[in-house]
């Protein structure tokens, strides 16, 4: 089996999907969250040839802004 050199949180670059962050990895499966393509699941052996390590800093997580619900006025 291919040795899995990417641990959780590692910054990687995929040939097709671009820059991303390893969310989880094992000998069988790997989940990567890409900046522009969202979360993708891969078979580890098949994706290892398409990945390379990236020296970039992890992107800051975007926090959604939600409007607070206002209580209806008492009548």
C-alpha atoms as a PDB file:
ATOM      1  CA  UNK A   1       0.000   0.000   0.000  1.00  0.00           C
ATOM      2  CA  UNK A   2       1.045   3.559  -0.569  1.00  0.00           C
ATOM      3  CA  UNK A   3       2.224   5.328   2.542  1.00  0.00           C
ATOM      4  CA  UNK A   4      -0.122   8.138   3.447  1.00  0.00           C
ATOM      5  CA  UNK A   5       2.000  11.212   4.139  1.00  0.00           C
ATOM      6  CA  UNK A   6      -0.895  13.660   4.507  1.00  0.00           C
ATOM      7  CA  UNK A   7      -2.282  14.126   7.990  1.00  0.00           C
ATOM      8  CA  UNK A   8      -5.397  16.009   9.024  1.00  0.00           C
ATOM      9  CA  UNK A   9      -4.968  19.744   8.428  1.00  0.00           C
ATOM     10  CA  UNK A  10      -2.260  19.335   5.767  1.00  0.00           C
ATOM     11  CA  UNK A  11      -2.403  21.834   2.912  1.00  0.00           C
ATOM     12  CA  UNK A  12      -2.366  20.157  -0.495  1.00  0.00           C
ATOM     13  CA  UNK A  13      -2.743  20.981  -4.165  1.00  0.00           C
ATOM     14  CA  UNK A  14      -4.662  18.686  -6.527  1.00  0.00           C
ATOM     15  CA  UNK A  15      -4.113  18.751 -10.290  1.00  0.00           C
ATOM     16  CA  UNK A  16      -7.827  19.240 -11.046  1.00  0.00           C
ATOM     17  CA  UNK A  17      -9.404  20.762  -7.903  1.00  0.00           C
ATOM     18  CA  UNK A  18      -6.618  23.137  -6.814  1.00  0.00           C
ATOM     19  CA  UNK A  19      -5.762  24.062  -3.227  1.00  0.00           C
ATOM     20  CA  UNK A  20      -7.371  22.315  -0.286  1.00  0.00           C
ATOM     21  CA  UNK A  21      -7.083  21.084   3.292  1.00  0.00           C
ATOM     22  CA  UNK A  22      -7.014  17.422   4.335  1.00  0.00           C
ATOM     23  CA  UNK A  23     -10.009  16.874   6.619  1.00  0.00           C
ATOM     24  CA  UNK A  24      -9.353  13.174   7.315  1.00  0.00           C
ATOM     25  CA  UNK A  25      -7.241  10.390   5.888  1.00  0.00           C
ATOM     26  CA  UNK A  26      -6.650   6.685   6.319  1.00  0.00           C
ATOM     27  CA  UNK A  27      -5.039   3.946   4.241  1.00  0.00           C
ATOM     28  CA  UNK A  28      -8.319   3.506   2.352  1.00  0.00           C
ATOM     29  CA  UNK A  29     -10.006   6.920   2.148  1.00  0.00           C
ATOM     30  CA  UNK A  30      -9.131  10.611   2.172  1.00  0.00           C
ATOM     31  CA  UNK A  31     -11.438  13.630   2.513  1.00  0.00           C
ATOM     32  CA  UNK A  32     -10.171  16.988   1.263  1.00  0.00           C
ATOM     33  CA  UNK A  33     -11.978  20.331   1.478  1.00  0.00           C
ATOM     34  CA  UNK A  34     -11.045  22.387  -1.579  1.00  0.00           C
ATOM     35  CA  UNK A  35     -11.238  26.178  -1.615  1.00  0.00           C
ATOM     36  CA  UNK A  36     -13.259  26.382  -4.827  1.00  0.00           C
ATOM     37  CA  UNK A  37     -14.843  22.930  -5.111  1.00  0.00           C
ATOM     38  CA  UNK A  38     -15.959  22.023  -1.587  1.00  0.00           C
ATOM     39  CA  UNK A  39     -15.396  18.703   0.133  1.00  0.00           C
ATOM     40  CA  UNK A  40     -14.355  15.687  -1.959  1.00  0.00           C
ATOM     41  CA  UNK A  41     -13.847  12.045  -0.938  1.00  0.00           C
ATOM     42  CA  UNK A  42     -11.122   9.956  -2.573  1.00  0.00           C
ATOM     43  CA  UNK A  43      -9.669   6.459  -2.505  1.00  0.00           C
ATOM     44  CA  UNK A  44      -6.243   7.186  -0.986  1.00  0.00           C
ATOM     45  CA  UNK A  45      -4.189   5.050  -3.388  1.00  0.00           C
ATOM     46  CA  UNK A  46      -5.796   6.660  -6.419  1.00  0.00           C
ATOM     47  CA  UNK A  47      -5.441  10.296  -5.325  1.00  0.00           C
ATOM     48  CA  UNK A  48      -1.854  10.183  -4.018  1.00  0.00           C
ATOM     49  CA  UNK A  49      -0.421  10.648  -7.529  1.00  0.00           C
ATOM     50  CA  UNK A  50      -2.512  13.802  -8.047  1.00  0.00           C
ATOM     51  CA  UNK A  51      -1.554  15.555  -4.793  1.00  0.00           C
ATOM     52  CA  UNK A  52       1.426  17.607  -3.740  1.00  0.00           C
ATOM     53  CA  UNK A  53       2.092  19.427  -0.494  1.00  0.00           C
ATOM     54  CA  UNK A  54       1.423  23.141  -0.379  1.00  0.00           C
ATOM     55  CA  UNK A  55       3.298  25.658   1.787  1.00  0.00           C
ATOM     56  CA  UNK A  56       0.362  28.038   2.050  1.00  0.00           C
ATOM     57  CA  UNK A  57      -1.374  28.948   5.280  1.00  0.00           C
ATOM     58  CA  UNK A  58      -4.810  27.413   5.869  1.00  0.00           C
ATOM     59  CA  UNK A  59      -7.577  29.743   4.707  1.00  0.00           C
ATOM     60  CA  UNK A  60      -9.576  31.517   7.371  1.00  0.00           C
ATOM     61  CA  UNK A  61     -12.957  29.918   7.875  1.00  0.00           C
ATOM     62  CA  UNK A  62     -15.765  32.134   6.710  1.00  0.00           C
ATOM     63  CA  UNK A  63     -18.409  32.669   9.323  1.00  0.00           C
ATOM     64  CA  UNK A  64     -21.895  33.074   7.969  1.00  0.00           C
ATOM     65  CA  UNK A  65     -23.728  36.174   9.002  1.00  0.00           C
ATOM     66  CA  UNK A  66     -27.246  35.454  10.082  1.00  0.00           C
ATOM     67  CA  UNK A  67     -29.897  37.905  10.991  1.00  0.00           C
ATOM     68  CA  UNK A  68     -31.288  37.526  14.456  1.00  0.00           C
ATOM     69  CA  UNK A  69     -34.915  36.613  14.600  1.00  0.00           C
ATOM     70  CA  UNK A  70     -37.025  39.308  16.137  1.00  0.00           C
ATOM     71  CA  UNK A  71     -39.907  38.343  18.344  1.00  0.00           C
ATOM     72  CA  UNK A  72     -43.298  39.476  17.043  1.00  0.00           C
ATOM     73  CA  UNK A  73     -44.708  42.485  18.851  1.00  0.00           C
ATOM     74  CA  UNK A  74     -47.177  41.641  21.591  1.00  0.00           C
ATOM     75  CA  UNK A  75     -50.663  42.845  20.767  1.00  0.00           C
END
